[in-house]
Amino acid sequence: MHGRIEKIDEHNLPYACSMFKELHGLSDLRRFPFDESYNRALTAHRMHDPAWWGYLARDLDDTEYVGVMVGSVQTALFSLARIGFEHGMYVRAGTRFRLATALHLVNSFVAWCYYEHNCIMVQSGDIASINGQATHVLYRRAGFRPYGAIYSHERGAAHVE
């Protein structure tokens, strides 16, 4: 059981940006400032891009937004084959049927990638480093398999062996 999802558009743009701000505040990227005007302008531009997917999730009572997911389709480095990439996914803690809501977002994105863009694969994961175990459970439930690893390197970071 989950609430409905709706495409990010001019009417719900402020709510999408608010959800992005929540996601940012929980992620390892929170040490970098959140630029609200940039986020709003980028989202307003991208919501018209046919290779971009952005949806908000509502609660069961249809009274508030509780989640957001954004992704895109890009050609692969080695061919014209397309791959779907998640850029961010978040469902607020405490949301009733949180996993079902997250699965609804993920499965909708995957379907869009495969059926509207003929992607060969979809890549997703704990790119914000919020809750790796919950992310693992979510994506395994959605039919994903572990694939590679994610690493981060920041300017000025010491060399580590």
N, C-alpha and C. Protein backbone atom coordinates (compact mmCIF):
# COMPACT_ATOMS: atom_id res chain seq x y z
N MET A 1 0.84 -1.17 0.00
CA MET A 1 0.00 0.00 0.00
C MET A 1 0.89 1.24 0.00
N HIS A 2 0.55 2.20 -0.80
CA HIS A 2 1.33 3.43 -0.92
C HIS A 2 0.42 4.53 -1.43
N GLY A 3 0.88 5.75 -1.29
CA GLY A 3 0.15 6.88 -1.85
C GLY A 3 0.46 7.02 -3.33
N ARG A 4 -0.14 7.99 -3.96
CA ARG A 4 0.09 8.17 -5.39
C ARG A 4 1.37 8.96 -5.63
N ILE A 5 1.87 8.83 -6.84
CA ILE A 5 3.02 9.64 -7.22
C ILE A 5 2.59 10.57 -8.35
N GLU A 6 3.28 11.71 -8.45
CA GLU A 6 2.95 12.67 -9.50
C GLU A 6 4.22 13.30 -10.04
N LYS A 7 4.21 13.54 -11.33
CA LYS A 7 5.35 14.15 -12.01
C LYS A 7 5.62 15.54 -11.45
N ILE A 8 6.88 15.87 -11.30
CA ILE A 8 7.24 17.22 -10.87
C ILE A 8 6.89 18.20 -11.99
N ASP A 9 6.13 19.24 -11.63
CA ASP A 9 5.71 20.24 -12.61
C ASP A 9 5.69 21.62 -11.94
N GLU A 10 5.18 22.60 -12.64
CA GLU A 10 5.17 23.97 -12.13
C GLU A 10 4.38 24.10 -10.84
N HIS A 11 3.35 23.29 -10.66
CA HIS A 11 2.47 23.40 -9.49
C HIS A 11 3.09 22.83 -8.22
N ASN A 12 3.87 21.76 -8.35
CA ASN A 12 4.43 21.13 -7.16
C ASN A 12 5.94 21.36 -7.01
N LEU A 13 6.50 22.21 -7.87
CA LEU A 13 7.93 22.49 -7.84
C LEU A 13 8.44 22.91 -6.45
N PRO A 14 7.75 23.79 -5.73
CA PRO A 14 8.25 24.16 -4.39
C PRO A 14 8.34 22.96 -3.44
N TYR A 15 7.39 22.03 -3.57
CA TYR A 15 7.41 20.85 -2.71
C TYR A 15 8.56 19.93 -3.09
N ALA A 16 8.83 19.80 -4.39
CA ALA A 16 9.95 18.99 -4.84
C ALA A 16 11.26 19.56 -4.29
N CYS A 17 11.42 20.85 -4.40
CA CYS A 17 12.65 21.48 -3.91
C CYS A 17 12.78 21.34 -2.39
N SER A 18 11.67 21.38 -1.70
CA SER A 18 11.67 21.16 -0.25
C SER A 18 12.12 19.73 0.08
N MET A 19 11.65 18.77 -0.70
CA MET A 19 12.06 17.38 -0.49
C MET A 19 13.55 17.20 -0.81
N PHE A 20 14.03 17.87 -1.85
CA PHE A 20 15.46 17.81 -2.19
C PHE A 20 16.30 18.36 -1.04
N LYS A 21 15.79 19.44 -0.41
CA LYS A 21 16.51 20.04 0.71
C LYS A 21 16.56 19.06 1.89
N GLU A 22 15.47 18.35 2.14
CA GLU A 22 15.47 17.33 3.20
C GLU A 22 16.49 16.25 2.89
N LEU A 23 16.47 15.76 1.65
CA LEU A 23 17.41 14.72 1.22
C LEU A 23 18.85 15.20 1.43
N HIS A 24 19.13 16.40 0.99
CA HIS A 24 20.47 16.97 1.14
C HIS A 24 20.87 17.04 2.61
N GLY A 25 19.95 17.46 3.47
CA GLY A 25 20.25 17.61 4.89
C GLY A 25 20.57 16.31 5.60
N LEU A 26 20.12 15.20 5.05
CA LEU A 26 20.40 13.89 5.65
C LEU A 26 21.62 13.20 5.05
N SER A 27 22.07 13.68 3.92
CA SER A 27 23.13 13.01 3.18
C SER A 27 24.51 13.45 3.64
N ASP A 28 25.52 12.73 3.19
CA ASP A 28 26.90 13.13 3.46
C ASP A 28 27.25 14.44 2.76
N LEU A 29 26.44 14.86 1.81
CA LEU A 29 26.69 16.12 1.10
C LEU A 29 26.22 17.34 1.87
N ARG A 30 25.65 17.14 3.05
CA ARG A 30 25.11 18.26 3.83
C ARG A 30 26.21 19.23 4.27
N ARG A 31 27.44 18.81 4.27
CA ARG A 31 28.53 19.73 4.66
C ARG A 31 28.77 20.79 3.59
N PHE A 32 28.18 20.60 2.40
CA PHE A 32 28.24 21.60 1.34
C PHE A 32 26.93 22.37 1.36
N PRO A 33 26.94 23.66 1.16
CA PRO A 33 25.69 24.44 1.24
C PRO A 33 24.67 24.03 0.18
N PHE A 34 23.42 24.07 0.56
CA PHE A 34 22.31 23.81 -0.35
C PHE A 34 21.91 25.13 -0.98
N ASP A 35 21.99 25.23 -2.28
CA ASP A 35 21.67 26.46 -2.99
C ASP A 35 20.22 26.36 -3.51
N GLU A 36 19.29 26.97 -2.78
CA GLU A 36 17.87 26.84 -3.11
C GLU A 36 17.53 27.42 -4.48
N SER A 37 18.09 28.57 -4.82
CA SER A 37 17.75 29.17 -6.11
C SER A 37 18.30 28.33 -7.26
N TYR A 38 19.50 27.79 -7.10
CA TYR A 38 20.05 26.91 -8.14
C TYR A 38 19.20 25.65 -8.27
N ASN A 39 18.86 25.03 -7.13
CA ASN A 39 18.06 23.81 -7.15
C ASN A 39 16.72 24.03 -7.83
N ARG A 40 16.10 25.14 -7.53
CA ARG A 40 14.80 25.46 -8.13
C ARG A 40 14.93 25.68 -9.64
N ALA A 41 15.94 26.44 -10.06
CA ALA A 41 16.15 26.72 -11.48
C ALA A 41 16.49 25.44 -12.25
N LEU A 42 17.35 24.61 -11.68
CA LEU A 42 17.73 23.35 -12.33
C LEU A 42 16.52 22.44 -12.47
N THR A 43 15.75 22.29 -11.41
CA THR A 43 14.57 21.42 -11.45
C THR A 43 13.54 21.96 -12.43
N ALA A 44 13.32 23.27 -12.44
CA ALA A 44 12.37 23.88 -13.37
C ALA A 44 12.79 23.63 -14.82
N HIS A 45 14.08 23.65 -15.07
CA HIS A 45 14.59 23.39 -16.43
C HIS A 45 14.48 21.91 -16.78
N ARG A 46 14.92 21.05 -15.87
CA ARG A 46 14.97 19.62 -16.16
C ARG A 46 13.59 18.98 -16.28
N MET A 47 12.58 19.53 -15.61
CA MET A 47 11.26 18.89 -15.65
C MET A 47 10.68 18.88 -17.06
N HIS A 48 11.28 19.63 -17.98
CA HIS A 48 10.82 19.65 -19.37
C HIS A 48 11.72 18.81 -20.28
N ASP A 49 12.76 18.23 -19.73
CA ASP A 49 13.70 17.40 -20.48
C ASP A 49 13.14 15.99 -20.61
N PRO A 50 12.93 15.49 -21.84
CA PRO A 50 12.34 14.16 -22.01
C PRO A 50 13.23 13.01 -21.50
N ALA A 51 14.51 13.28 -21.26
CA ALA A 51 15.41 12.25 -20.75
C ALA A 51 15.52 12.31 -19.22
N TRP A 52 14.72 13.14 -18.59
CA TRP A 52 14.75 13.33 -17.14
C TRP A 52 13.45 12.84 -16.54
N TRP A 53 13.51 12.16 -15.41
CA TRP A 53 12.34 11.62 -14.71
C TRP A 53 12.36 12.18 -13.29
N GLY A 54 11.31 12.87 -12.89
CA GLY A 54 11.22 13.40 -11.54
C GLY A 54 9.79 13.30 -11.03
N TYR A 55 9.61 12.60 -9.92
CA TYR A 55 8.29 12.39 -9.34
C TYR A 55 8.30 12.61 -7.84
N LEU A 56 7.18 13.08 -7.34
CA LEU A 56 6.93 13.21 -5.91
C LEU A 56 5.96 12.12 -5.48
N ALA A 57 6.10 11.68 -4.24
CA ALA A 57 5.17 10.70 -3.66
C ALA A 57 4.34 11.38 -2.58
N ARG A 58 3.05 11.05 -2.56
CA ARG A 58 2.15 11.57 -1.52
C ARG A 58 1.89 10.49 -0.48
N ASP A 59 1.43 10.92 0.70
CA ASP A 59 1.08 9.96 1.74
C ASP A 59 -0.25 9.27 1.39
N LEU A 60 -0.63 8.30 2.20
CA LEU A 60 -1.85 7.52 1.94
C LEU A 60 -3.11 8.38 1.97
N ASP A 61 -3.10 9.43 2.78
CA ASP A 61 -4.27 10.30 2.88
C ASP A 61 -4.30 11.37 1.79
N ASP A 62 -3.24 11.40 0.97
CA ASP A 62 -3.12 12.36 -0.14
C ASP A 62 -3.09 13.80 0.38
N THR A 63 -2.53 13.99 1.58
CA THR A 63 -2.51 15.33 2.17
C THR A 63 -1.15 16.00 2.11
N GLU A 64 -0.06 15.20 2.01
CA GLU A 64 1.26 15.81 1.97
C GLU A 64 2.23 14.98 1.15
N TYR A 65 3.28 15.64 0.69
CA TYR A 65 4.34 14.96 -0.04
C TYR A 65 5.29 14.33 0.97
N VAL A 66 5.66 13.08 0.72
CA VAL A 66 6.53 12.35 1.65
C VAL A 66 7.77 11.79 0.97
N GLY A 67 7.87 11.92 -0.35
CA GLY A 67 9.02 11.36 -1.04
C GLY A 67 9.25 12.00 -2.39
N VAL A 68 10.43 11.74 -2.92
CA VAL A 68 10.82 12.27 -4.22
C VAL A 68 11.84 11.33 -4.85
N MET A 69 11.84 11.25 -6.16
CA MET A 69 12.87 10.50 -6.87
C MET A 69 13.14 11.19 -8.19
N VAL A 70 14.42 11.24 -8.55
CA VAL A 70 14.86 11.86 -9.78
C VAL A 70 15.87 10.94 -10.45
N GLY A 71 15.75 10.82 -11.77
CA GLY A 71 16.71 10.03 -12.53
C GLY A 71 16.73 10.51 -13.97
N SER A 72 17.59 9.91 -14.74
CA SER A 72 17.68 10.28 -16.15
C SER A 72 18.14 9.09 -16.97
N VAL A 73 18.03 9.26 -18.27
CA VAL A 73 18.49 8.27 -19.22
C VAL A 73 19.62 8.90 -20.01
N GLN A 74 20.70 8.15 -20.17
CA GLN A 74 21.84 8.63 -20.93
C GLN A 74 22.37 7.50 -21.79
N THR A 75 23.02 7.85 -22.90
CA THR A 75 23.64 6.81 -23.69
C THR A 75 24.88 6.32 -22.95
N ALA A 76 25.20 5.06 -23.21
CA ALA A 76 26.37 4.46 -22.58
C ALA A 76 27.64 5.01 -23.21
N LEU A 77 28.72 4.92 -22.50
CA LEU A 77 30.01 5.40 -22.98
C LEU A 77 30.47 4.62 -24.21
N PHE A 78 30.11 3.35 -24.27
CA PHE A 78 30.64 2.46 -25.29
C PHE A 78 29.71 2.23 -26.48
N SER A 79 28.49 2.73 -26.42
CA SER A 79 27.56 2.53 -27.53
C SER A 79 26.37 3.48 -27.38
N LEU A 80 25.45 3.39 -28.32
CA LEU A 80 24.24 4.20 -28.23
C LEU A 80 23.19 3.59 -27.31
N ALA A 81 23.52 2.45 -26.70
CA ALA A 81 22.60 1.82 -25.75
C ALA A 81 22.35 2.80 -24.59
N ARG A 82 21.14 2.80 -24.07
CA ARG A 82 20.77 3.72 -23.00
C ARG A 82 20.76 3.03 -21.65
N ILE A 83 21.15 3.80 -20.65
CA ILE A 83 21.17 3.33 -19.27
C ILE A 83 20.41 4.35 -18.43
N GLY A 84 19.57 3.87 -17.53
CA GLY A 84 18.88 4.74 -16.59
C GLY A 84 19.72 4.92 -15.34
N PHE A 85 19.83 6.16 -14.86
CA PHE A 85 20.60 6.46 -13.67
C PHE A 85 19.74 7.21 -12.66
N GLU A 86 19.69 6.69 -11.46
CA GLU A 86 19.02 7.42 -10.37
C GLU A 86 19.96 8.52 -9.90
N HIS A 87 19.40 9.72 -9.67
CA HIS A 87 20.19 10.83 -9.14
C HIS A 87 19.86 11.09 -7.68
N GLY A 88 18.73 10.64 -7.24
CA GLY A 88 18.35 10.81 -5.85
C GLY A 88 16.97 10.23 -5.59
N MET A 89 16.82 9.58 -4.45
CA MET A 89 15.53 9.03 -4.05
C MET A 89 15.43 9.14 -2.54
N TYR A 90 14.26 9.59 -2.07
CA TYR A 90 14.08 9.81 -0.64
C TYR A 90 12.61 9.68 -0.30
N VAL A 91 12.34 8.91 0.76
CA VAL A 91 11.01 8.86 1.36
C VAL A 91 11.21 9.15 2.85
N ARG A 92 10.50 10.13 3.33
CA ARG A 92 10.65 10.63 4.70
C ARG A 92 10.46 9.51 5.74
N ALA A 93 11.35 9.49 6.72
CA ALA A 93 11.23 8.55 7.84
C ALA A 93 9.89 8.78 8.54
N GLY A 94 9.27 7.71 9.01
CA GLY A 94 8.00 7.81 9.70
C GLY A 94 6.80 7.73 8.77
N THR A 95 7.04 7.70 7.46
CA THR A 95 5.95 7.57 6.49
C THR A 95 5.34 6.18 6.61
N ARG A 96 4.01 6.13 6.75
CA ARG A 96 3.35 4.82 6.76
C ARG A 96 3.60 4.13 5.44
N PHE A 97 3.94 2.85 5.51
CA PHE A 97 4.24 2.06 4.31
C PHE A 97 5.38 2.70 3.50
N ARG A 98 6.40 3.11 4.23
CA ARG A 98 7.55 3.79 3.62
C ARG A 98 8.19 2.94 2.52
N LEU A 99 8.43 1.66 2.81
CA LEU A 99 9.05 0.79 1.81
C LEU A 99 8.17 0.65 0.58
N ALA A 100 6.87 0.51 0.77
CA ALA A 100 5.96 0.39 -0.38
C ALA A 100 5.98 1.67 -1.22
N THR A 101 6.05 2.81 -0.56
CA THR A 101 6.12 4.09 -1.29
C THR A 101 7.42 4.18 -2.08
N ALA A 102 8.52 3.81 -1.44
CA ALA A 102 9.82 3.83 -2.12
C ALA A 102 9.82 2.86 -3.30
N LEU A 103 9.27 1.68 -3.11
CA LEU A 103 9.19 0.70 -4.20
C LEU A 103 8.35 1.22 -5.36
N HIS A 104 7.28 1.93 -5.05
CA HIS A 104 6.43 2.50 -6.09
C HIS A 104 7.22 3.50 -6.94
N LEU A 105 8.00 4.35 -6.29
CA LEU A 105 8.85 5.29 -7.02
C LEU A 105 9.89 4.56 -7.87
N VAL A 106 10.60 3.63 -7.26
CA VAL A 106 11.66 2.90 -7.97
C VAL A 106 11.09 2.11 -9.14
N ASN A 107 10.02 1.36 -8.91
CA ASN A 107 9.44 0.54 -9.98
C ASN A 107 8.90 1.40 -11.12
N SER A 108 8.37 2.56 -10.80
CA SER A 108 7.88 3.47 -11.84
C SER A 108 9.04 4.02 -12.67
N PHE A 109 10.13 4.35 -12.01
CA PHE A 109 11.32 4.82 -12.73
C PHE A 109 11.88 3.72 -13.64
N VAL A 110 11.99 2.52 -13.11
CA VAL A 110 12.50 1.39 -13.89
C VAL A 110 11.62 1.15 -15.12
N ALA A 111 10.31 1.14 -14.92
CA ALA A 111 9.39 0.94 -16.05
C ALA A 111 9.57 2.03 -17.10
N TRP A 112 9.70 3.28 -16.67
CA TRP A 112 9.93 4.39 -17.60
C TRP A 112 11.21 4.17 -18.40
N CYS A 113 12.26 3.75 -17.71
CA CYS A 113 13.54 3.51 -18.39
C CYS A 113 13.41 2.42 -19.45
N TYR A 114 12.80 1.30 -19.09
CA TYR A 114 12.71 0.17 -20.01
C TYR A 114 11.68 0.37 -21.11
N TYR A 115 10.51 0.83 -20.75
CA TYR A 115 9.41 0.86 -21.73
C TYR A 115 9.32 2.14 -22.55
N GLU A 116 9.79 3.24 -22.00
CA GLU A 116 9.75 4.49 -22.77
C GLU A 116 11.08 4.83 -23.42
N HIS A 117 12.17 4.28 -22.87
CA HIS A 117 13.49 4.64 -23.41
C HIS A 117 14.33 3.44 -23.83
N ASN A 118 13.77 2.25 -23.73
CA ASN A 118 14.45 1.03 -24.18
C ASN A 118 15.86 0.89 -23.58
N CYS A 119 15.99 1.19 -22.31
CA CYS A 119 17.29 1.08 -21.64
C CYS A 119 17.74 -0.37 -21.55
N ILE A 120 19.04 -0.58 -21.52
CA ILE A 120 19.58 -1.92 -21.34
C ILE A 120 19.73 -2.26 -19.87
N MET A 121 19.79 -1.24 -19.01
CA MET A 121 19.90 -1.46 -17.58
C MET A 121 19.56 -0.16 -16.84
N VAL A 122 19.37 -0.30 -15.53
CA VAL A 122 19.13 0.85 -14.66
C VAL A 122 20.10 0.72 -13.49
N GLN A 123 20.78 1.81 -13.16
CA GLN A 123 21.70 1.82 -12.04
C GLN A 123 21.17 2.76 -10.96
N SER A 124 21.27 2.28 -9.72
CA SER A 124 20.73 3.01 -8.61
C SER A 124 21.47 2.59 -7.36
N GLY A 125 21.32 3.31 -6.27
CA GLY A 125 21.96 2.88 -5.04
C GLY A 125 21.99 3.97 -3.99
N ASP A 126 22.80 3.74 -2.97
CA ASP A 126 22.92 4.65 -1.84
C ASP A 126 23.94 5.73 -2.17
N ILE A 127 23.61 6.56 -3.14
CA ILE A 127 24.56 7.59 -3.59
C ILE A 127 24.67 8.75 -2.61
N ALA A 128 23.73 8.87 -1.68
CA ALA A 128 23.76 9.96 -0.70
C ALA A 128 24.31 9.51 0.65
N SER A 129 24.58 8.21 0.79
CA SER A 129 25.13 7.64 2.01
C SER A 129 24.29 7.99 3.24
N ILE A 130 22.97 7.74 3.11
CA ILE A 130 22.06 8.02 4.23
C ILE A 130 21.83 6.76 5.06
N ASN A 131 21.42 5.69 4.39
CA ASN A 131 21.13 4.44 5.10
C ASN A 131 21.37 3.28 4.15
N GLY A 132 22.61 2.82 4.11
CA GLY A 132 23.01 1.77 3.18
C GLY A 132 22.22 0.49 3.32
N GLN A 133 21.94 0.07 4.55
CA GLN A 133 21.21 -1.19 4.75
C GLN A 133 19.78 -1.09 4.22
N ALA A 134 19.09 0.00 4.52
CA ALA A 134 17.72 0.17 4.02
C ALA A 134 17.72 0.26 2.49
N THR A 135 18.71 0.93 1.93
CA THR A 135 18.80 1.04 0.47
C THR A 135 19.02 -0.34 -0.14
N HIS A 136 19.87 -1.15 0.49
CA HIS A 136 20.10 -2.51 0.02
C HIS A 136 18.80 -3.32 -0.01
N VAL A 137 18.05 -3.25 1.08
CA VAL A 137 16.77 -3.97 1.16
C VAL A 137 15.81 -3.49 0.07
N LEU A 138 15.70 -2.18 -0.08
CA LEU A 138 14.80 -1.61 -1.08
C LEU A 138 15.14 -2.11 -2.48
N TYR A 139 16.38 -1.97 -2.89
CA TYR A 139 16.74 -2.32 -4.26
C TYR A 139 16.74 -3.82 -4.50
N ARG A 140 17.06 -4.62 -3.50
CA ARG A 140 16.93 -6.07 -3.66
C ARG A 140 15.46 -6.44 -3.84
N ARG A 141 14.56 -5.80 -3.07
CA ARG A 141 13.12 -6.04 -3.22
C ARG A 141 12.63 -5.66 -4.60
N ALA A 142 13.24 -4.63 -5.18
CA ALA A 142 12.84 -4.14 -6.50
C ALA A 142 13.47 -4.96 -7.64
N GLY A 143 14.26 -5.97 -7.29
CA GLY A 143 14.84 -6.84 -8.31
C GLY A 143 16.23 -6.46 -8.76
N PHE A 144 16.84 -5.48 -8.11
CA PHE A 144 18.21 -5.10 -8.44
C PHE A 144 19.18 -6.09 -7.80
N ARG A 145 20.37 -6.18 -8.36
CA ARG A 145 21.43 -6.98 -7.74
C ARG A 145 22.60 -6.05 -7.44
N PRO A 146 23.38 -6.38 -6.42
CA PRO A 146 24.56 -5.55 -6.15
C PRO A 146 25.44 -5.51 -7.39
N TYR A 147 26.01 -4.34 -7.66
CA TYR A 147 26.73 -4.13 -8.90
C TYR A 147 27.84 -3.11 -8.66
N GLY A 148 29.05 -3.59 -8.53
CA GLY A 148 30.16 -2.66 -8.36
C GLY A 148 30.18 -2.03 -6.98
N ALA A 149 30.80 -0.88 -6.90
CA ALA A 149 30.93 -0.15 -5.64
C ALA A 149 30.92 1.34 -5.95
N ILE A 150 30.62 2.12 -4.95
CA ILE A 150 30.64 3.57 -5.10
C ILE A 150 31.76 4.12 -4.23
N TYR A 151 32.53 5.02 -4.77
CA TYR A 151 33.60 5.66 -4.03
C TYR A 151 33.46 7.17 -4.17
N SER A 152 34.04 7.89 -3.25
CA SER A 152 34.00 9.34 -3.29
C SER A 152 35.41 9.88 -3.07
N HIS A 153 35.76 10.90 -3.81
CA HIS A 153 37.05 11.57 -3.62
C HIS A 153 36.79 13.06 -3.63
N GLU A 154 37.30 13.75 -2.65
CA GLU A 154 37.07 15.19 -2.56
C GLU A 154 38.37 15.96 -2.74
N ARG A 155 38.23 17.14 -3.27
CA ARG A 155 39.38 18.03 -3.47
C ARG A 155 40.12 18.21 -2.16
N GLY A 156 41.41 18.05 -2.19
CA GLY A 156 42.23 18.25 -1.01
C GLY A 156 42.32 17.03 -0.10
N ALA A 157 41.67 15.94 -0.48
CA ALA A 157 41.70 14.74 0.35
C ALA A 157 43.09 14.11 0.31
N ALA A 158 43.51 13.58 1.43
CA ALA A 158 44.81 12.93 1.52
C ALA A 158 44.77 11.61 0.74
N HIS A 159 45.92 11.25 0.19
CA HIS A 159 46.02 9.97 -0.52
C HIS A 159 45.98 8.84 0.49
N VAL A 160 45.13 7.85 0.25
CA VAL A 160 44.98 6.73 1.16
C VAL A 160 45.28 5.45 0.40
N GLU A 161 46.03 4.56 1.03
CA GLU A 161 46.34 3.27 0.38
C GLU A 161 45.58 2.16 1.05
